Amino acid sequence: MQTEPTRLYWDACVLLSYVNETAGRLPVIEQVLEEARQKKVGILTSTLTVVEVAWASEEQQQGALDDATLEKIDGLWQPGSIVTLVEFYFAIACEARNLMREGLTRGCSLRPNDAIHLATAKEHHVKRFHTYDERLFKYAELTGFEICEPDALQPQLPGVS
């Protein structure tokens, strides 16, 4: 019997780290992408991420755009991609607002884009929310899922490829 893939949500910063090929992050990201190709995990992100992942840091620093970078970015959203885009809709907007309001009562300030990502993940019943933004870790109690840096189901052993 085949089990349902583990649902993961990727914050935009994870996809930016992939596009930027950020040292120290890329091996784990690529391992999770491989697990998605093998249908062990499913990766979701909001359509908001399409706007947040507009360019690579090198393009921004140089003030010049690169077609190969755009192709890499667009490859993330193409039909059949291993990253599933989730539309932003009214129920997610209401949940994002509720998370912001609840955060306020706890002395936290949740930015709208972050609230949308967390609400999207909550609405789609993910098991884990991957982000490099440590400020979001404290929202696990409000969302009901683990919020952590990306990690693979089967961590790769040193020297094994």
N, C-alpha and C. Protein backbone atom coordinates (compact mmCIF):
# COMPACT_ATOMS: atom_id res chain seq x y z
N MET A 1 0.84 -1.17 0.00
CA MET A 1 0.00 0.00 0.00
C MET A 1 0.89 1.25 0.00
N GLN A 2 0.63 2.15 -0.92
CA GLN A 2 1.42 3.38 -1.03
C GLN A 2 0.87 4.42 -0.07
N THR A 3 1.78 5.05 0.67
CA THR A 3 1.37 6.07 1.62
C THR A 3 1.33 7.44 0.95
N GLU A 4 0.53 8.31 1.53
CA GLU A 4 0.41 9.69 1.05
C GLU A 4 1.73 10.42 1.30
N PRO A 5 2.24 11.18 0.32
CA PRO A 5 3.48 11.94 0.55
C PRO A 5 3.31 12.94 1.68
N THR A 6 4.37 13.16 2.43
CA THR A 6 4.38 14.17 3.49
C THR A 6 4.22 15.55 2.85
N ARG A 7 3.25 16.32 3.33
CA ARG A 7 3.02 17.67 2.78
C ARG A 7 3.94 18.67 3.47
N LEU A 8 4.72 19.35 2.65
CA LEU A 8 5.61 20.41 3.12
C LEU A 8 5.18 21.73 2.50
N TYR A 9 5.42 22.80 3.22
CA TYR A 9 5.21 24.13 2.65
C TYR A 9 6.56 24.82 2.62
N TRP A 10 6.89 25.43 1.49
CA TRP A 10 8.13 26.18 1.37
C TRP A 10 7.84 27.66 1.33
N ASP A 11 8.40 28.37 2.31
CA ASP A 11 8.38 29.82 2.34
C ASP A 11 9.23 30.31 1.16
N ALA A 12 8.98 31.52 0.72
CA ALA A 12 9.71 32.08 -0.43
C ALA A 12 11.22 32.07 -0.22
N CYS A 13 11.68 32.25 1.01
CA CYS A 13 13.13 32.30 1.26
C CYS A 13 13.81 30.98 0.93
N VAL A 14 13.10 29.87 1.01
CA VAL A 14 13.69 28.57 0.64
C VAL A 14 13.91 28.54 -0.87
N LEU A 15 12.91 28.99 -1.61
CA LEU A 15 13.04 29.00 -3.07
C LEU A 15 14.07 30.02 -3.53
N LEU A 16 14.18 31.14 -2.83
CA LEU A 16 15.24 32.11 -3.14
C LEU A 16 16.62 31.50 -2.88
N SER A 17 16.74 30.73 -1.82
CA SER A 17 18.02 30.07 -1.53
C SER A 17 18.37 29.08 -2.64
N TYR A 18 17.36 28.43 -3.19
CA TYR A 18 17.57 27.51 -4.32
C TYR A 18 18.03 28.28 -5.56
N VAL A 19 17.32 29.34 -5.89
CA VAL A 19 17.65 30.15 -7.07
C VAL A 19 19.05 30.76 -6.92
N ASN A 20 19.38 31.22 -5.72
CA ASN A 20 20.67 31.85 -5.46
C ASN A 20 21.79 30.85 -5.22
N GLU A 21 21.42 29.56 -5.17
CA GLU A 21 22.39 28.49 -4.91
C GLU A 21 23.20 28.81 -3.65
N THR A 22 22.49 29.15 -2.59
CA THR A 22 23.11 29.57 -1.34
C THR A 22 23.92 28.43 -0.72
N ALA A 23 25.20 28.69 -0.54
CA ALA A 23 26.10 27.69 0.06
C ALA A 23 25.58 27.30 1.44
N GLY A 24 25.68 26.04 1.76
CA GLY A 24 25.23 25.55 3.05
C GLY A 24 23.77 25.18 3.06
N ARG A 25 22.99 25.72 2.17
CA ARG A 25 21.56 25.42 2.10
C ARG A 25 21.21 24.52 0.92
N LEU A 26 21.92 24.70 -0.17
CA LEU A 26 21.58 24.03 -1.43
C LEU A 26 21.55 22.50 -1.33
N PRO A 27 22.50 21.84 -0.67
CA PRO A 27 22.43 20.37 -0.63
C PRO A 27 21.14 19.84 0.00
N VAL A 28 20.68 20.44 1.08
CA VAL A 28 19.44 19.98 1.72
C VAL A 28 18.25 20.29 0.83
N ILE A 29 18.22 21.48 0.24
CA ILE A 29 17.12 21.84 -0.65
C ILE A 29 17.04 20.85 -1.81
N GLU A 30 18.17 20.55 -2.42
CA GLU A 30 18.18 19.61 -3.54
C GLU A 30 17.76 18.22 -3.11
N GLN A 31 18.11 17.82 -1.89
CA GLN A 31 17.69 16.52 -1.39
C GLN A 31 16.17 16.46 -1.19
N VAL A 32 15.58 17.55 -0.67
CA VAL A 32 14.12 17.59 -0.52
C VAL A 32 13.45 17.60 -1.90
N LEU A 33 14.02 18.32 -2.85
CA LEU A 33 13.48 18.31 -4.21
C LEU A 33 13.52 16.90 -4.79
N GLU A 34 14.58 16.16 -4.53
CA GLU A 34 14.67 14.78 -5.00
C GLU A 34 13.61 13.92 -4.34
N GLU A 35 13.36 14.13 -3.05
CA GLU A 35 12.30 13.39 -2.36
C GLU A 35 10.93 13.72 -2.98
N ALA A 36 10.76 14.95 -3.44
CA ALA A 36 9.52 15.33 -4.11
C ALA A 36 9.41 14.62 -5.46
N ARG A 37 10.52 14.53 -6.18
CA ARG A 37 10.50 13.82 -7.46
C ARG A 37 10.12 12.34 -7.26
N GLN A 38 10.56 11.79 -6.13
CA GLN A 38 10.27 10.39 -5.80
C GLN A 38 8.90 10.23 -5.14
N LYS A 39 8.17 11.33 -5.02
CA LYS A 39 6.81 11.34 -4.44
C LYS A 39 6.78 10.95 -2.96
N LYS A 40 7.90 11.17 -2.27
CA LYS A 40 7.94 10.93 -0.82
C LYS A 40 7.39 12.14 -0.08
N VAL A 41 7.56 13.32 -0.68
CA VAL A 41 7.02 14.56 -0.12
C VAL A 41 6.32 15.33 -1.22
N GLY A 42 5.41 16.19 -0.82
CA GLY A 42 4.78 17.14 -1.73
C GLY A 42 5.13 18.53 -1.25
N ILE A 43 5.58 19.39 -2.14
CA ILE A 43 5.99 20.75 -1.78
C ILE A 43 4.93 21.73 -2.28
N LEU A 44 4.39 22.52 -1.35
CA LEU A 44 3.41 23.56 -1.69
C LEU A 44 3.99 24.92 -1.37
N THR A 45 3.54 25.92 -2.10
CA THR A 45 3.83 27.31 -1.80
C THR A 45 2.72 28.16 -2.39
N SER A 46 2.57 29.36 -1.87
CA SER A 46 1.53 30.27 -2.34
C SER A 46 1.92 30.91 -3.67
N THR A 47 0.91 31.30 -4.45
CA THR A 47 1.20 32.06 -5.67
C THR A 47 1.89 33.38 -5.33
N LEU A 48 1.77 33.83 -4.11
CA LEU A 48 2.50 35.02 -3.64
C LEU A 48 4.00 34.84 -3.84
N THR A 49 4.48 33.62 -3.74
CA THR A 49 5.91 33.33 -3.89
C THR A 49 6.41 33.70 -5.28
N VAL A 50 5.54 33.61 -6.28
CA VAL A 50 5.94 33.97 -7.65
C VAL A 50 6.41 35.43 -7.69
N VAL A 51 5.78 36.28 -6.92
CA VAL A 51 6.16 37.69 -6.86
C VAL A 51 7.41 37.87 -6.01
N GLU A 52 7.50 37.13 -4.90
CA GLU A 52 8.63 37.28 -3.99
C GLU A 52 9.94 36.74 -4.57
N VAL A 53 9.83 35.77 -5.46
CA VAL A 53 11.02 35.20 -6.11
C VAL A 53 11.09 35.79 -7.52
N ALA A 54 11.44 37.06 -7.60
CA ALA A 54 11.45 37.79 -8.86
C ALA A 54 12.81 37.79 -9.54
N TRP A 55 13.88 37.68 -8.76
CA TRP A 55 15.22 37.72 -9.32
C TRP A 55 16.19 37.07 -8.35
N ALA A 56 17.36 36.75 -8.87
CA ALA A 56 18.44 36.23 -8.04
C ALA A 56 19.19 37.41 -7.43
N SER A 57 19.86 37.16 -6.33
CA SER A 57 20.59 38.24 -5.66
C SER A 57 21.67 38.84 -6.56
N GLU A 58 22.29 38.01 -7.39
CA GLU A 58 23.32 38.51 -8.31
C GLU A 58 22.72 39.50 -9.32
N GLU A 59 21.53 39.20 -9.81
CA GLU A 59 20.85 40.12 -10.72
C GLU A 59 20.57 41.45 -10.02
N GLN A 60 20.11 41.35 -8.79
CA GLN A 60 19.79 42.56 -8.03
C GLN A 60 21.04 43.40 -7.78
N GLN A 61 22.13 42.75 -7.42
CA GLN A 61 23.38 43.48 -7.16
C GLN A 61 23.93 44.15 -8.41
N GLN A 62 23.81 43.45 -9.54
CA GLN A 62 24.34 43.99 -10.80
C GLN A 62 23.37 44.92 -11.50
N GLY A 63 22.11 44.89 -11.11
CA GLY A 63 21.11 45.71 -11.79
C GLY A 63 20.86 45.26 -13.21
N ALA A 64 21.17 43.98 -13.49
CA ALA A 64 20.98 43.42 -14.83
C ALA A 64 20.31 42.06 -14.70
N LEU A 65 19.37 41.81 -15.60
CA LEU A 65 18.64 40.55 -15.56
C LEU A 65 19.27 39.53 -16.48
N ASP A 66 19.10 38.25 -16.13
CA ASP A 66 19.70 37.14 -16.85
C ASP A 66 18.61 36.17 -17.27
N ASP A 67 18.56 35.83 -18.56
CA ASP A 67 17.52 34.93 -19.06
C ASP A 67 17.59 33.55 -18.42
N ALA A 68 18.80 33.06 -18.15
CA ALA A 68 18.94 31.73 -17.55
C ALA A 68 18.35 31.71 -16.13
N THR A 69 18.50 32.80 -15.41
CA THR A 69 17.93 32.87 -14.06
C THR A 69 16.41 32.88 -14.13
N LEU A 70 15.86 33.65 -15.06
CA LEU A 70 14.40 33.67 -15.20
C LEU A 70 13.89 32.28 -15.58
N GLU A 71 14.61 31.60 -16.43
CA GLU A 71 14.21 30.24 -16.82
C GLU A 71 14.22 29.30 -15.60
N LYS A 72 15.23 29.42 -14.76
CA LYS A 72 15.30 28.60 -13.55
C LYS A 72 14.14 28.92 -12.61
N ILE A 73 13.84 30.20 -12.44
CA ILE A 73 12.73 30.62 -11.59
C ILE A 73 11.41 30.11 -12.17
N ASP A 74 11.18 30.36 -13.44
CA ASP A 74 9.93 29.94 -14.08
C ASP A 74 9.77 28.43 -14.06
N GLY A 75 10.87 27.69 -14.09
CA GLY A 75 10.82 26.24 -14.02
C GLY A 75 10.18 25.74 -12.74
N LEU A 76 10.22 26.56 -11.70
CA LEU A 76 9.61 26.18 -10.43
C LEU A 76 8.09 26.18 -10.51
N TRP A 77 7.54 27.01 -11.39
CA TRP A 77 6.07 27.20 -11.44
C TRP A 77 5.41 26.53 -12.64
N GLN A 78 6.20 25.99 -13.56
CA GLN A 78 5.62 25.41 -14.77
C GLN A 78 4.67 24.27 -14.43
N PRO A 79 3.64 24.06 -15.25
CA PRO A 79 2.76 22.90 -15.04
C PRO A 79 3.60 21.62 -14.98
N GLY A 80 3.29 20.78 -14.03
CA GLY A 80 4.04 19.54 -13.86
C GLY A 80 5.26 19.69 -12.96
N SER A 81 5.51 20.90 -12.50
CA SER A 81 6.63 21.14 -11.60
C SER A 81 6.41 20.38 -10.30
N ILE A 82 7.49 20.11 -9.59
CA ILE A 82 7.36 19.42 -8.30
C ILE A 82 6.95 20.36 -7.19
N VAL A 83 6.88 21.66 -7.48
CA VAL A 83 6.38 22.64 -6.52
C VAL A 83 4.94 22.97 -6.92
N THR A 84 4.02 22.73 -6.00
CA THR A 84 2.61 23.00 -6.27
C THR A 84 2.25 24.41 -5.80
N LEU A 85 1.74 25.22 -6.71
CA LEU A 85 1.30 26.57 -6.35
C LEU A 85 -0.12 26.52 -5.82
N VAL A 86 -0.35 27.24 -4.72
CA VAL A 86 -1.67 27.33 -4.11
C VAL A 86 -2.17 28.76 -4.29
N GLU A 87 -3.36 28.89 -4.86
CA GLU A 87 -3.95 30.21 -5.08
C GLU A 87 -4.29 30.89 -3.75
N PHE A 88 -4.19 32.19 -3.74
CA PHE A 88 -4.59 33.00 -2.58
C PHE A 88 -6.08 33.28 -2.73
N TYR A 89 -6.87 32.91 -1.73
CA TYR A 89 -8.31 33.13 -1.80
C TYR A 89 -8.82 33.62 -0.44
N PHE A 90 -10.09 33.95 -0.40
CA PHE A 90 -10.69 34.63 0.75
C PHE A 90 -10.47 33.90 2.07
N ALA A 91 -10.65 32.60 2.12
CA ALA A 91 -10.47 31.86 3.38
C ALA A 91 -9.04 31.99 3.89
N ILE A 92 -8.08 31.99 2.98
CA ILE A 92 -6.68 32.16 3.38
C ILE A 92 -6.45 33.59 3.88
N ALA A 93 -7.07 34.57 3.22
CA ALA A 93 -6.95 35.97 3.67
C ALA A 93 -7.49 36.11 5.10
N CYS A 94 -8.62 35.51 5.36
CA CYS A 94 -9.22 35.60 6.71
C CYS A 94 -8.34 34.92 7.74
N GLU A 95 -7.79 33.77 7.39
CA GLU A 95 -6.91 33.06 8.33
C GLU A 95 -5.63 33.86 8.56
N ALA A 96 -5.09 34.46 7.51
CA ALA A 96 -3.88 35.29 7.66
C ALA A 96 -4.16 36.46 8.60
N ARG A 97 -5.29 37.10 8.41
CA ARG A 97 -5.68 38.19 9.31
C ARG A 97 -5.80 37.69 10.75
N ASN A 98 -6.42 36.53 10.93
CA ASN A 98 -6.59 35.97 12.27
C ASN A 98 -5.24 35.66 12.93
N LEU A 99 -4.30 35.14 12.16
CA LEU A 99 -2.96 34.87 12.70
C LEU A 99 -2.28 36.17 13.12
N MET A 100 -2.44 37.21 12.32
CA MET A 100 -1.85 38.51 12.67
C MET A 100 -2.47 39.04 13.95
N ARG A 101 -3.78 38.92 14.07
CA ARG A 101 -4.48 39.42 15.27
C ARG A 101 -4.08 38.61 16.50
N GLU A 102 -4.03 37.29 16.36
CA GLU A 102 -3.64 36.44 17.50
C GLU A 102 -2.19 36.72 17.89
N GLY A 103 -1.35 36.92 16.90
CA GLY A 103 0.05 37.26 17.18
C GLY A 103 0.16 38.53 17.99
N LEU A 104 -0.66 39.51 17.66
CA LEU A 104 -0.65 40.78 18.38
C LEU A 104 -0.94 40.57 19.87
N THR A 105 -1.89 39.69 20.19
CA THR A 105 -2.22 39.44 21.60
C THR A 105 -1.08 38.75 22.35
N ARG A 106 -0.14 38.18 21.59
CA ARG A 106 1.02 37.50 22.19
C ARG A 106 2.29 38.35 22.11
N GLY A 107 2.11 39.60 21.72
CA GLY A 107 3.26 40.50 21.63
C GLY A 107 4.12 40.28 20.41
N CYS A 108 3.56 39.67 19.38
CA CYS A 108 4.30 39.38 18.15
C CYS A 108 3.75 40.23 17.01
N SER A 109 4.61 40.54 16.08
CA SER A 109 4.20 41.30 14.91
C SER A 109 4.45 40.43 13.68
N LEU A 110 3.38 39.99 13.05
CA LEU A 110 3.46 39.13 11.88
C LEU A 110 3.18 39.96 10.63
N ARG A 111 4.13 39.98 9.72
CA ARG A 111 3.97 40.73 8.48
C ARG A 111 2.94 40.07 7.58
N PRO A 112 2.21 40.85 6.78
CA PRO A 112 1.16 40.28 5.93
C PRO A 112 1.62 39.13 5.03
N ASN A 113 2.75 39.29 4.34
CA ASN A 113 3.20 38.20 3.46
C ASN A 113 3.47 36.93 4.25
N ASP A 114 4.11 37.06 5.41
CA ASP A 114 4.37 35.88 6.24
C ASP A 114 3.07 35.26 6.72
N ALA A 115 2.10 36.10 7.08
CA ALA A 115 0.79 35.60 7.52
C ALA A 115 0.10 34.84 6.39
N ILE A 116 0.22 35.33 5.17
CA ILE A 116 -0.38 34.63 4.02
C ILE A 116 0.27 33.26 3.83
N HIS A 117 1.59 33.20 3.94
CA HIS A 117 2.27 31.91 3.80
C HIS A 117 1.82 30.94 4.89
N LEU A 118 1.81 31.39 6.13
CA LEU A 118 1.41 30.51 7.24
C LEU A 118 -0.05 30.07 7.09
N ALA A 119 -0.92 30.99 6.71
CA ALA A 119 -2.33 30.66 6.55
C ALA A 119 -2.55 29.70 5.39
N THR A 120 -1.81 29.85 4.32
CA THR A 120 -1.91 28.94 3.18
C THR A 120 -1.51 27.54 3.61
N ALA A 121 -0.42 27.44 4.34
CA ALA A 121 0.05 26.14 4.83
C ALA A 121 -0.99 25.51 5.76
N LYS A 122 -1.56 26.32 6.63
CA LYS A 122 -2.57 25.83 7.57
C LYS A 122 -3.81 25.33 6.82
N GLU A 123 -4.26 26.11 5.87
CA GLU A 123 -5.45 25.76 5.09
C GLU A 123 -5.26 24.45 4.33
N HIS A 124 -4.02 24.14 3.97
CA HIS A 124 -3.73 22.94 3.18
C HIS A 124 -3.12 21.82 4.00
N HIS A 125 -3.23 21.94 5.31
CA HIS A 125 -2.90 20.85 6.24
C HIS A 125 -1.51 20.25 6.03
N VAL A 126 -0.50 21.13 5.99
CA VAL A 126 0.86 20.62 5.83
C VAL A 126 1.35 20.04 7.15
N LYS A 127 2.35 19.20 7.04
CA LYS A 127 2.96 18.63 8.23
C LYS A 127 4.07 19.55 8.75
N ARG A 128 4.84 20.11 7.80
CA ARG A 128 5.95 20.98 8.18
C ARG A 128 6.02 22.19 7.25
N PHE A 129 6.43 23.30 7.82
CA PHE A 129 6.60 24.56 7.10
C PHE A 129 8.09 24.85 7.10
N HIS A 130 8.70 24.85 5.92
CA HIS A 130 10.14 25.10 5.81
C HIS A 130 10.41 26.58 5.54
N THR A 131 11.29 27.14 6.35
CA THR A 131 11.68 28.54 6.20
C THR A 131 13.07 28.74 6.79
N TYR A 132 13.75 29.78 6.35
CA TYR A 132 15.00 30.19 6.99
C TYR A 132 14.76 31.41 7.88
N ASP A 133 13.53 31.85 7.98
CA ASP A 133 13.16 33.01 8.79
C ASP A 133 12.81 32.54 10.20
N GLU A 134 13.78 32.59 11.09
CA GLU A 134 13.61 32.09 12.46
C GLU A 134 12.50 32.83 13.22
N ARG A 135 12.14 34.03 12.79
CA ARG A 135 11.06 34.77 13.44
C ARG A 135 9.73 34.03 13.33
N LEU A 136 9.61 33.16 12.34
CA LEU A 136 8.35 32.44 12.13
C LEU A 136 8.23 31.18 13.00
N PHE A 137 9.34 30.71 13.56
CA PHE A 137 9.32 29.47 14.34
C PHE A 137 8.31 29.53 15.48
N LYS A 138 8.16 30.71 16.07
CA LYS A 138 7.29 30.84 17.24
C LYS A 138 5.80 30.72 16.91
N TYR A 139 5.44 30.67 15.63
CA TYR A 139 4.04 30.57 15.24
C TYR A 139 3.55 29.13 15.11
N ALA A 140 4.41 28.16 15.41
CA ALA A 140 4.02 26.75 15.30
C ALA A 140 2.82 26.45 16.19
N GLU A 141 2.79 27.02 17.37
CA GLU A 141 1.68 26.78 18.29
C GLU A 141 0.35 27.29 17.71
N LEU A 142 0.38 28.41 17.02
CA LEU A 142 -0.84 28.98 16.44
C LEU A 142 -1.30 28.23 15.19
N THR A 143 -0.37 27.63 14.47
CA THR A 143 -0.71 27.00 13.20
C THR A 143 -0.99 25.51 13.30
N GLY A 144 -0.37 24.86 14.30
CA GLY A 144 -0.58 23.43 14.45
C GLY A 144 0.35 22.56 13.63
N PHE A 145 1.39 23.14 13.04
CA PHE A 145 2.38 22.34 12.32
C PHE A 145 3.77 22.82 12.70
N GLU A 146 4.74 21.96 12.44
CA GLU A 146 6.13 22.27 12.75
C GLU A 146 6.65 23.33 11.78
N ILE A 147 7.37 24.31 12.30
CA ILE A 147 8.00 25.34 11.47
C ILE A 147 9.50 25.23 11.73
N CYS A 148 10.26 24.96 10.67
CA CYS A 148 11.68 24.68 10.82
C CYS A 148 12.43 24.99 9.53
N GLU A 149 13.74 24.92 9.61
CA GLU A 149 14.55 25.03 8.39
C GLU A 149 14.33 23.76 7.58
N PRO A 150 14.55 23.83 6.26
CA PRO A 150 14.38 22.64 5.44
C PRO A 150 15.23 21.47 5.95
N ASP A 151 14.60 20.30 5.94
CA ASP A 151 15.31 19.08 6.30
C ASP A 151 14.72 17.96 5.46
N ALA A 152 15.55 17.00 5.14
CA ALA A 152 15.12 15.89 4.31
C ALA A 152 14.56 14.78 5.20
N LEU A 153 13.69 13.96 4.63
CA LEU A 153 13.17 12.81 5.37
C LEU A 153 14.29 11.85 5.71
N GLN A 154 15.17 11.62 4.74
CA GLN A 154 16.33 10.76 4.94
C GLN A 154 17.59 11.60 4.79
N PRO A 155 18.12 12.12 5.90
CA PRO A 155 19.33 12.95 5.79
C PRO A 155 20.46 12.19 5.10
N GLN A 156 21.16 12.91 4.24
CA GLN A 156 22.25 12.31 3.49
C GLN A 156 23.46 12.14 4.39
N LEU A 157 24.09 10.98 4.34
CA LEU A 157 25.28 10.73 5.12
C LEU A 157 26.48 11.40 4.48
N PRO A 158 27.43 11.90 5.30
CA PRO A 158 28.62 12.54 4.73
C PRO A 158 29.35 11.58 3.79
N GLY A 159 29.74 12.10 2.64
CA GLY A 159 30.49 11.32 1.66
C GLY A 159 29.66 10.39 0.81
N VAL A 160 28.33 10.37 1.00
CA VAL A 160 27.45 9.52 0.21
C VAL A 160 26.64 10.40 -0.72
N SER A 161 26.63 10.04 -2.01
CA SER A 161 25.82 10.83 -2.94
C SER A 161 24.79 10.00 -3.62
